[in-house]
């Protein structure tokens, strides 16, 4: 691995864990955007959940570790975290881009909190996507709960002490944030990650928004994640 992190960042060398499943369309671009961080000594781990396309072939030369696991974001992210060597873990969706100064921002945040997340912007043509992202960021700041789209980061020792993500098929991000929040409030960074609006636009922005709100409400009311996953499916 080329390069090395400077003294300020050394304590928080990052392992960026990316769960992927049939992401050939965009995975190369996602990983290209991370190569500067890799050159600075941070670690890129891609965890493939059994892709049937060219995801693995496209990713192989652009990551430090390529892990194969059973499908499911919680399972895949736990598999990546298990082999991570960085003092900080950052969980990144395959269609999400970090801001250029993400490493410095995370290092500074973890000096004062055990975990955190970024604000998010949703890329797409529909005018409601900006409003949805604003509401997501506001809700997260008020509740101390983040979603996976916001690139959750956490000290590795804290993550392991908690036992990682719960092995549930949906709401794994909400569940772990609930546990992390008992330790400390998150560092809510105003810097934005950019995530694809493809899910929103392909299924209908309003339909997807009400579906996600309904799922979160059902989860809060105690509906099991396996039931919610079938509804989400």
C-alpha atoms as a PDB file:
ATOM      1  CA  UNK A   1       0.000   0.000   0.000  1.00  0.00           C
ATOM      2  CA  UNK A   2       1.439   3.341  -1.033  1.00  0.00           C
ATOM      3  CA  UNK A   3       1.877   6.292   1.282  1.00  0.00           C
ATOM      4  CA  UNK A   4       1.212   6.710   4.967  1.00  0.00           C
ATOM      5  CA  UNK A   5      -1.128   8.742   7.078  1.00  0.00           C
ATOM      6  CA  UNK A   6       0.310  11.756   8.915  1.00  0.00           C
ATOM      7  CA  UNK A   7       0.687  11.868  12.689  1.00  0.00           C
ATOM      8  CA  UNK A   8      -2.676  13.571  13.247  1.00  0.00           C
ATOM      9  CA  UNK A   9      -4.601  10.897  11.338  1.00  0.00           C
ATOM     10  CA  UNK A  10      -2.535   7.860  12.376  1.00  0.00           C
ATOM     11  CA  UNK A  11      -4.710   7.050  15.393  1.00  0.00           C
ATOM     12  CA  UNK A  12      -7.782   6.956  13.174  1.00  0.00           C
ATOM     13  CA  UNK A  13      -6.600   5.080  10.115  1.00  0.00           C
ATOM     14  CA  UNK A  14      -9.841   4.126   8.420  1.00  0.00           C
ATOM     15  CA  UNK A  15     -11.126   0.853   7.064  1.00  0.00           C
ATOM     16  CA  UNK A  16     -13.867   1.666   4.567  1.00  0.00           C
ATOM     17  CA  UNK A  17     -16.259  -1.287   4.342  1.00  0.00           C
ATOM     18  CA  UNK A  18     -18.463  -1.501   1.238  1.00  0.00           C
ATOM     19  CA  UNK A  19     -21.183  -4.173   1.031  1.00  0.00           C
ATOM     20  CA  UNK A  20     -22.017  -4.961  -2.594  1.00  0.00           C
ATOM     21  CA  UNK A  21     -24.387  -7.162  -4.537  1.00  0.00           C
ATOM     22  CA  UNK A  22     -24.594  -6.894  -8.329  1.00  0.00           C
ATOM     23  CA  UNK A  23     -23.131  -3.392  -8.402  1.00  0.00           C
ATOM     24  CA  UNK A  24     -21.149  -3.704 -11.648  1.00  0.00           C
ATOM     25  CA  UNK A  25     -22.807  -0.634 -13.124  1.00  0.00           C
ATOM     26  CA  UNK A  26     -21.254   1.756 -10.637  1.00  0.00           C
ATOM     27  CA  UNK A  27     -18.705  -0.013  -8.434  1.00  0.00           C
ATOM     28  CA  UNK A  28     -15.666   0.963 -10.509  1.00  0.00           C
ATOM     29  CA  UNK A  29     -16.531   4.660 -10.217  1.00  0.00           C
ATOM     30  CA  UNK A  30     -17.154   4.344  -6.483  1.00  0.00           C
ATOM     31  CA  UNK A  31     -13.789   2.701  -5.928  1.00  0.00           C
ATOM     32  CA  UNK A  32     -11.896   5.101  -8.182  1.00  0.00           C
ATOM     33  CA  UNK A  33     -13.102   7.940  -5.976  1.00  0.00           C
ATOM     34  CA  UNK A  34     -11.503   6.212  -2.965  1.00  0.00           C
ATOM     35  CA  UNK A  35      -8.050   5.582  -4.398  1.00  0.00           C
ATOM     36  CA  UNK A  36      -6.553   8.802  -3.007  1.00  0.00           C
ATOM     37  CA  UNK A  37      -7.581   7.686   0.485  1.00  0.00           C
ATOM     38  CA  UNK A  38      -6.091   4.286  -0.201  1.00  0.00           C
ATOM     39  CA  UNK A  39      -2.816   5.922  -1.263  1.00  0.00           C
ATOM     40  CA  UNK A  40      -2.818   7.847   2.017  1.00  0.00           C
ATOM     41  CA  UNK A  41      -2.817   4.592   3.963  1.00  0.00           C
ATOM     42  CA  UNK A  42      -6.501   3.971   4.534  1.00  0.00           C
ATOM     43  CA  UNK A  43      -7.959   0.546   3.816  1.00  0.00           C
ATOM     44  CA  UNK A  44     -10.702  -0.312   1.316  1.00  0.00           C
ATOM     45  CA  UNK A  45     -12.659  -3.527   1.947  1.00  0.00           C
ATOM     46  CA  UNK A  46     -15.334  -4.714  -0.454  1.00  0.00           C
ATOM     47  CA  UNK A  47     -17.652  -7.452   0.782  1.00  0.00           C
ATOM     48  CA  UNK A  48     -19.503  -9.202  -2.020  1.00  0.00           C
ATOM     49  CA  UNK A  49     -22.738 -10.972  -1.189  1.00  0.00           C
ATOM     50  CA  UNK A  50     -22.752 -13.352  -4.173  1.00  0.00           C
ATOM     51  CA  UNK A  51     -22.924 -11.037  -7.185  1.00  0.00           C
ATOM     52  CA  UNK A  52     -23.891 -12.622 -10.486  1.00  0.00           C
ATOM     53  CA  UNK A  53     -22.410  -9.786 -12.542  1.00  0.00           C
ATOM     54  CA  UNK A  54     -18.877  -8.377 -12.903  1.00  0.00           C
ATOM     55  CA  UNK A  55     -18.759  -6.641  -9.507  1.00  0.00           C
ATOM     56  CA  UNK A  56     -15.909  -8.772  -8.146  1.00  0.00           C
ATOM     57  CA  UNK A  57     -13.802  -8.574 -11.310  1.00  0.00           C
ATOM     58  CA  UNK A  58     -14.164  -4.794 -11.488  1.00  0.00           C
ATOM     59  CA  UNK A  59     -13.340  -4.319  -7.815  1.00  0.00           C
ATOM     60  CA  UNK A  60     -10.432  -6.721  -7.350  1.00  0.00           C
ATOM     61  CA  UNK A  61      -7.591  -4.374  -8.299  1.00  0.00           C
ATOM     62  CA  UNK A  62      -8.996  -1.352  -6.474  1.00  0.00           C
ATOM     63  CA  UNK A  63      -9.423  -2.726  -2.955  1.00  0.00           C
ATOM     64  CA  UNK A  64      -7.104  -3.935  -0.211  1.00  0.00           C
ATOM     65  CA  UNK A  65      -9.371  -6.797   0.786  1.00  0.00           C
ATOM     66  CA  UNK A  66     -12.080  -8.557  -1.184  1.00  0.00           C
ATOM     67  CA  UNK A  67     -14.315 -10.631   1.053  1.00  0.00           C
ATOM     68  CA  UNK A  68     -17.106 -12.997  -0.009  1.00  0.00           C
ATOM     69  CA  UNK A  69     -19.985 -13.566   2.359  1.00  0.00           C
ATOM     70  CA  UNK A  70     -23.617 -14.529   2.530  1.00  0.00           C
ATOM     71  CA  UNK A  71     -25.889 -11.729   1.249  1.00  0.00           C
ATOM     72  CA  UNK A  72     -27.435  -9.146   3.542  1.00  0.00           C
ATOM     73  CA  UNK A  73     -25.972  -5.780   4.501  1.00  0.00           C
ATOM     74  CA  UNK A  74     -25.588  -6.605   8.201  1.00  0.00           C
ATOM     75  CA  UNK A  75     -23.860  -9.906   7.430  1.00  0.00           C
ATOM     76  CA  UNK A  76     -21.613  -8.349   4.810  1.00  0.00           C
ATOM     77  CA  UNK A  77     -20.614  -5.347   6.911  1.00  0.00           C
ATOM     78  CA  UNK A  78     -19.812  -7.583   9.882  1.00  0.00           C
ATOM     79  CA  UNK A  79     -17.654  -9.746   7.608  1.00  0.00           C
ATOM     80  CA  UNK A  80     -15.755  -6.687   6.437  1.00  0.00           C
ATOM     81  CA  UNK A  81     -15.324  -5.319   9.936  1.00  0.00           C
ATOM     82  CA  UNK A  82     -13.968  -8.684  11.103  1.00  0.00           C
ATOM     83  CA  UNK A  83     -10.931  -8.370   8.821  1.00  0.00           C
ATOM     84  CA  UNK A  84     -10.474  -4.613   9.135  1.00  0.00           C
ATOM     85  CA  UNK A  85      -7.176  -3.285  10.478  1.00  0.00           C
ATOM     86  CA  UNK A  86      -8.077   0.392  10.802  1.00  0.00           C
ATOM     87  CA  UNK A  87      -8.828   2.003  14.152  1.00  0.00           C
ATOM     88  CA  UNK A  88     -11.948   3.510  12.568  1.00  0.00           C
ATOM     89  CA  UNK A  89     -14.618   1.778  10.506  1.00  0.00           C
ATOM     90  CA  UNK A  90     -16.665   3.611   7.890  1.00  0.00           C
ATOM     91  CA  UNK A  91     -19.570   1.766   6.263  1.00  0.00           C
ATOM     92  CA  UNK A  92     -20.202   3.008   2.742  1.00  0.00           C
ATOM     93  CA  UNK A  93     -22.977   2.032   0.349  1.00  0.00           C
ATOM     94  CA  UNK A  94     -21.799   1.054  -3.109  1.00  0.00           C
ATOM     95  CA  UNK A  95     -23.648   3.970  -4.719  1.00  0.00           C
ATOM     96  CA  UNK A  96     -22.432   6.649  -2.285  1.00  0.00           C
ATOM     97  CA  UNK A  97     -19.505   9.070  -2.603  1.00  0.00           C
ATOM     98  CA  UNK A  98     -17.574  10.632   0.264  1.00  0.00           C
ATOM     99  CA  UNK A  99     -16.509  14.293   0.367  1.00  0.00           C
ATOM    100  CA  UNK A 100     -12.865  14.897  -0.520  1.00  0.00           C
ATOM    101  CA  UNK A 101     -11.805  15.692   3.053  1.00  0.00           C
ATOM    102  CA  UNK A 102     -13.662  12.748   4.585  1.00  0.00           C
ATOM    103  CA  UNK A 103     -10.589  11.282   6.285  1.00  0.00           C
ATOM    104  CA  UNK A 104      -9.755  14.487   8.143  1.00  0.00           C
ATOM    105  CA  UNK A 105     -13.397  15.052   9.060  1.00  0.00           C
ATOM    106  CA  UNK A 106     -13.765  11.533  10.465  1.00  0.00           C
ATOM    107  CA  UNK A 107     -10.478  11.759  12.368  1.00  0.00           C
ATOM    108  CA  UNK A 108     -11.499  15.047  13.971  1.00  0.00           C
ATOM    109  CA  UNK A 109     -14.968  13.703  14.800  1.00  0.00           C
ATOM    110  CA  UNK A 110     -13.671  10.540  16.437  1.00  0.00           C
ATOM    111  CA  UNK A 111     -11.403  12.599  18.661  1.00  0.00           C
ATOM    112  CA  UNK A 112     -14.545  13.822  20.424  1.00  0.00           C
ATOM    113  CA  UNK A 113     -17.149  11.074  19.845  1.00  0.00           C
ATOM    114  CA  UNK A 114     -17.203   7.299  19.468  1.00  0.00           C
ATOM    115  CA  UNK A 115     -19.178   7.416  16.251  1.00  0.00           C
ATOM    116  CA  UNK A 116     -20.867   9.664  13.750  1.00  0.00           C
ATOM    117  CA  UNK A 117     -22.284  10.188  10.307  1.00  0.00           C
ATOM    118  CA  UNK A 118     -22.365  12.673   7.427  1.00  0.00           C
ATOM    119  CA  UNK A 119     -25.208  14.721   6.104  1.00  0.00           C
ATOM    120  CA  UNK A 120     -26.448  13.331   2.789  1.00  0.00           C
ATOM    121  CA  UNK A 121     -27.531  14.695  -0.555  1.00  0.00           C
ATOM    122  CA  UNK A 122     -29.526  12.545  -2.965  1.00  0.00           C
ATOM    123  CA  UNK A 123     -28.545  12.879  -6.605  1.00  0.00           C
ATOM    124  CA  UNK A 124     -31.284  12.826  -9.200  1.00  0.00           C
ATOM    125  CA  UNK A 125     -33.670  14.885 -11.287  1.00  0.00           C
ATOM    126  CA  UNK A 126     -36.757  14.914  -9.084  1.00  0.00           C
ATOM    127  CA  UNK A 127     -37.143  18.183  -7.177  1.00  0.00           C
ATOM    128  CA  UNK A 128     -38.305  16.365  -4.024  1.00  0.00           C
ATOM    129  CA  UNK A 129     -34.974  14.588  -3.548  1.00  0.00           C
ATOM    130  CA  UNK A 130     -33.382  17.680  -2.021  1.00  0.00           C
ATOM    131  CA  UNK A 131     -36.260  18.039   0.425  1.00  0.00           C
ATOM    132  CA  UNK A 132     -36.100  14.356   1.363  1.00  0.00           C
ATOM    133  CA  UNK A 133     -32.366  14.613   2.062  1.00  0.00           C
ATOM    134  CA  UNK A 134     -32.929  17.748   4.179  1.00  0.00           C
ATOM    135  CA  UNK A 135     -35.555  15.935   6.225  1.00  0.00           C
ATOM    136  CA  UNK A 136     -33.271  12.898   6.658  1.00  0.00           C
ATOM    137  CA  UNK A 137     -30.461  15.104   7.944  1.00  0.00           C
ATOM    138  CA  UNK A 138     -32.729  17.033  10.293  1.00  0.00           C
ATOM    139  CA  UNK A 139     -34.340  13.895  11.690  1.00  0.00           C
ATOM    140  CA  UNK A 140     -30.917  12.321  12.238  1.00  0.00           C
ATOM    141  CA  UNK A 141     -29.606  15.387  14.024  1.00  0.00           C
ATOM    142  CA  UNK A 142     -32.649  15.558  16.307  1.00  0.00           C
ATOM    143  CA  UNK A 143     -32.859  11.843  17.117  1.00  0.00           C
ATOM    144  CA  UNK A 144     -29.209  10.800  17.079  1.00  0.00           C
ATOM    145  CA  UNK A 145     -30.130   7.988  14.677  1.00  0.00           C
ATOM    146  CA  UNK A 146     -28.446   7.671  11.273  1.00  0.00           C
ATOM    147  CA  UNK A 147     -29.201   5.652   8.162  1.00  0.00           C
ATOM    148  CA  UNK A 148     -26.735   3.701   6.073  1.00  0.00           C
ATOM    149  CA  UNK A 149     -26.952   6.331   3.318  1.00  0.00           C
ATOM    150  CA  UNK A 150     -25.184   8.747   5.679  1.00  0.00           C
ATOM    151  CA  UNK A 151     -21.927   6.732   5.796  1.00  0.00           C
ATOM    152  CA  UNK A 152     -21.888   5.767   9.470  1.00  0.00           C
ATOM    153  CA  UNK A 153     -18.405   5.678  11.009  1.00  0.00           C
ATOM    154  CA  UNK A 154     -17.345   4.307  14.386  1.00  0.00           C
ATOM    155  CA  UNK A 155     -14.281   3.477  16.431  1.00  0.00           C
ATOM    156  CA  UNK A 156     -13.406  -0.140  15.749  1.00  0.00           C
ATOM    157  CA  UNK A 157     -13.083  -1.026  19.433  1.00  0.00           C
ATOM    158  CA  UNK A 158     -16.529   0.445  20.128  1.00  0.00           C
ATOM    159  CA  UNK A 159     -18.056  -1.488  17.225  1.00  0.00           C
ATOM    160  CA  UNK A 160     -16.540  -4.749  18.386  1.00  0.00           C
ATOM    161  CA  UNK A 161     -17.517  -4.163  22.001  1.00  0.00           C
ATOM    162  CA  UNK A 162     -21.132  -3.834  20.826  1.00  0.00           C
ATOM    163  CA  UNK A 163     -20.920  -7.064  18.843  1.00  0.00           C
ATOM    164  CA  UNK A 164     -21.314  -5.374  15.467  1.00  0.00           C
ATOM    165  CA  UNK A 165     -24.524  -5.206  13.466  1.00  0.00           C
ATOM    166  CA  UNK A 166     -27.403  -7.395  14.563  1.00  0.00           C
ATOM    167  CA  UNK A 167     -28.084 -10.213  12.093  1.00  0.00           C
ATOM    168  CA  UNK A 168     -31.377  -8.799  10.852  1.00  0.00           C
ATOM    169  CA  UNK A 169     -32.464  -8.402   7.206  1.00  0.00           C
ATOM    170  CA  UNK A 170     -33.508  -4.751   7.492  1.00  0.00           C
ATOM    171  CA  UNK A 171     -33.112  -1.793   9.863  1.00  0.00           C
ATOM    172  CA  UNK A 172     -29.612  -2.915  10.856  1.00  0.00           C
ATOM    173  CA  UNK A 173     -28.468   0.722  10.672  1.00  0.00           C
ATOM    174  CA  UNK A 174     -31.267   1.981  12.920  1.00  0.00           C
ATOM    175  CA  UNK A 175     -30.703  -0.841  15.402  1.00  0.00           C
ATOM    176  CA  UNK A 176     -26.975  -0.293  15.826  1.00  0.00           C
ATOM    177  CA  UNK A 177     -27.418   3.483  16.077  1.00  0.00           C
ATOM    178  CA  UNK A 178     -29.874   2.933  18.905  1.00  0.00           C
ATOM    179  CA  UNK A 179     -27.198   1.007  20.780  1.00  0.00           C
ATOM    180  CA  UNK A 180     -24.420   3.452  19.901  1.00  0.00           C
ATOM    181  CA  UNK A 181     -26.539   6.373  21.076  1.00  0.00           C
ATOM    182  CA  UNK A 182     -26.574   4.868  24.577  1.00  0.00           C
ATOM    183  CA  UNK A 183     -22.802   5.383  24.633  1.00  0.00           C
ATOM    184  CA  UNK A 184     -22.731   8.883  23.186  1.00  0.00           C
ATOM    185  CA  UNK A 185     -24.558  11.126  20.764  1.00  0.00           C
ATOM    186  CA  UNK A 186     -23.143  10.910  17.232  1.00  0.00           C
ATOM    187  CA  UNK A 187     -20.888  13.460  15.622  1.00  0.00           C
ATOM    188  CA  UNK A 188     -23.276  14.874  12.984  1.00  0.00           C
ATOM    189  CA  UNK A 189     -21.080  16.234  10.211  1.00  0.00           C
ATOM    190  CA  UNK A 190     -22.554  18.906   7.966  1.00  0.00           C
ATOM    191  CA  UNK A 191     -20.275  17.808   5.115  1.00  0.00           C
ATOM    192  CA  UNK A 192     -22.350  15.809   2.655  1.00  0.00           C
ATOM    193  CA  UNK A 193     -21.970  12.396   1.132  1.00  0.00           C
ATOM    194  CA  UNK A 194     -23.651  12.032  -2.247  1.00  0.00           C
ATOM    195  CA  UNK A 195     -25.874   9.032  -2.815  1.00  0.00           C
ATOM    196  CA  UNK A 196     -27.742   7.880  -5.880  1.00  0.00           C
ATOM    197  CA  UNK A 197     -31.436   8.637  -6.178  1.00  0.00           C
ATOM    198  CA  UNK A 198     -31.975   5.630  -8.455  1.00  0.00           C
ATOM    199  CA  UNK A 199     -34.058   3.735  -5.893  1.00  0.00           C
ATOM    200  CA  UNK A 200     -36.295   6.738  -5.352  1.00  0.00           C
ATOM    201  CA  UNK A 201     -36.755   7.560  -9.023  1.00  0.00           C
ATOM    202  CA  UNK A 202     -37.165   4.001 -10.298  1.00  0.00           C
ATOM    203  CA  UNK A 203     -39.869   3.128  -7.757  1.00  0.00           C
ATOM    204  CA  UNK A 204     -41.442   6.577  -7.535  1.00  0.00           C
ATOM    205  CA  UNK A 205     -40.246   9.281  -5.152  1.00  0.00           C
ATOM    206  CA  UNK A 206     -43.491   9.698  -3.228  1.00  0.00           C
ATOM    207  CA  UNK A 207     -44.158   5.952  -3.095  1.00  0.00           C
ATOM    208  CA  UNK A 208     -40.638   5.246  -1.822  1.00  0.00           C
ATOM    209  CA  UNK A 209     -40.791   8.049   0.743  1.00  0.00           C
ATOM    210  CA  UNK A 210     -44.036   6.807   2.257  1.00  0.00           C
ATOM    211  CA  UNK A 211     -42.780   3.211   2.148  1.00  0.00           C
ATOM    212  CA  UNK A 212     -39.622   4.125   4.094  1.00  0.00           C
ATOM    213  CA  UNK A 213     -41.543   6.205   6.622  1.00  0.00           C
ATOM    214  CA  UNK A 214     -44.012   3.372   7.061  1.00  0.00           C
ATOM    215  CA  UNK A 215     -41.256   0.823   7.587  1.00  0.00           C
ATOM    216  CA  UNK A 216     -39.526   2.990  10.187  1.00  0.00           C
ATOM    217  CA  UNK A 217     -42.790   3.501  12.035  1.00  0.00           C
ATOM    218  CA  UNK A 218     -43.566  -0.225  11.929  1.00  0.00           C
ATOM    219  CA  UNK A 219     -40.097  -1.015  13.266  1.00  0.00           C
ATOM    220  CA  UNK A 220     -40.550   1.504  16.084  1.00  0.00           C
ATOM    221  CA  UNK A 221     -43.846  -0.213  16.930  1.00  0.00           C
ATOM    222  CA  UNK A 222     -42.099  -3.563  17.226  1.00  0.00           C
ATOM    223  CA  UNK A 223     -42.794  -5.267  13.885  1.00  0.00           C
ATOM    224  CA  UNK A 224     -39.957  -7.802  13.331  1.00  0.00           C
ATOM    225  CA  UNK A 225     -37.364  -6.835  10.684  1.00  0.00           C
ATOM    226  CA  UNK A 226     -37.957 -10.096   8.786  1.00  0.00           C
ATOM    227  CA  UNK A 227     -41.568  -9.046   8.234  1.00  0.00           C
ATOM    228  CA  UNK A 228     -40.506  -5.565   7.179  1.00  0.00           C
ATOM    229  CA  UNK A 229     -37.927  -7.010   4.770  1.00  0.00           C
ATOM    230  CA  UNK A 230     -40.655  -8.898   2.914  1.00  0.00           C
ATOM    231  CA  UNK A 231     -42.663  -5.694   2.651  1.00  0.00           C
ATOM    232  CA  UNK A 232     -39.582  -3.780   1.455  1.00  0.00           C
ATOM    233  CA  UNK A 233     -38.549  -6.519  -0.950  1.00  0.00           C
END
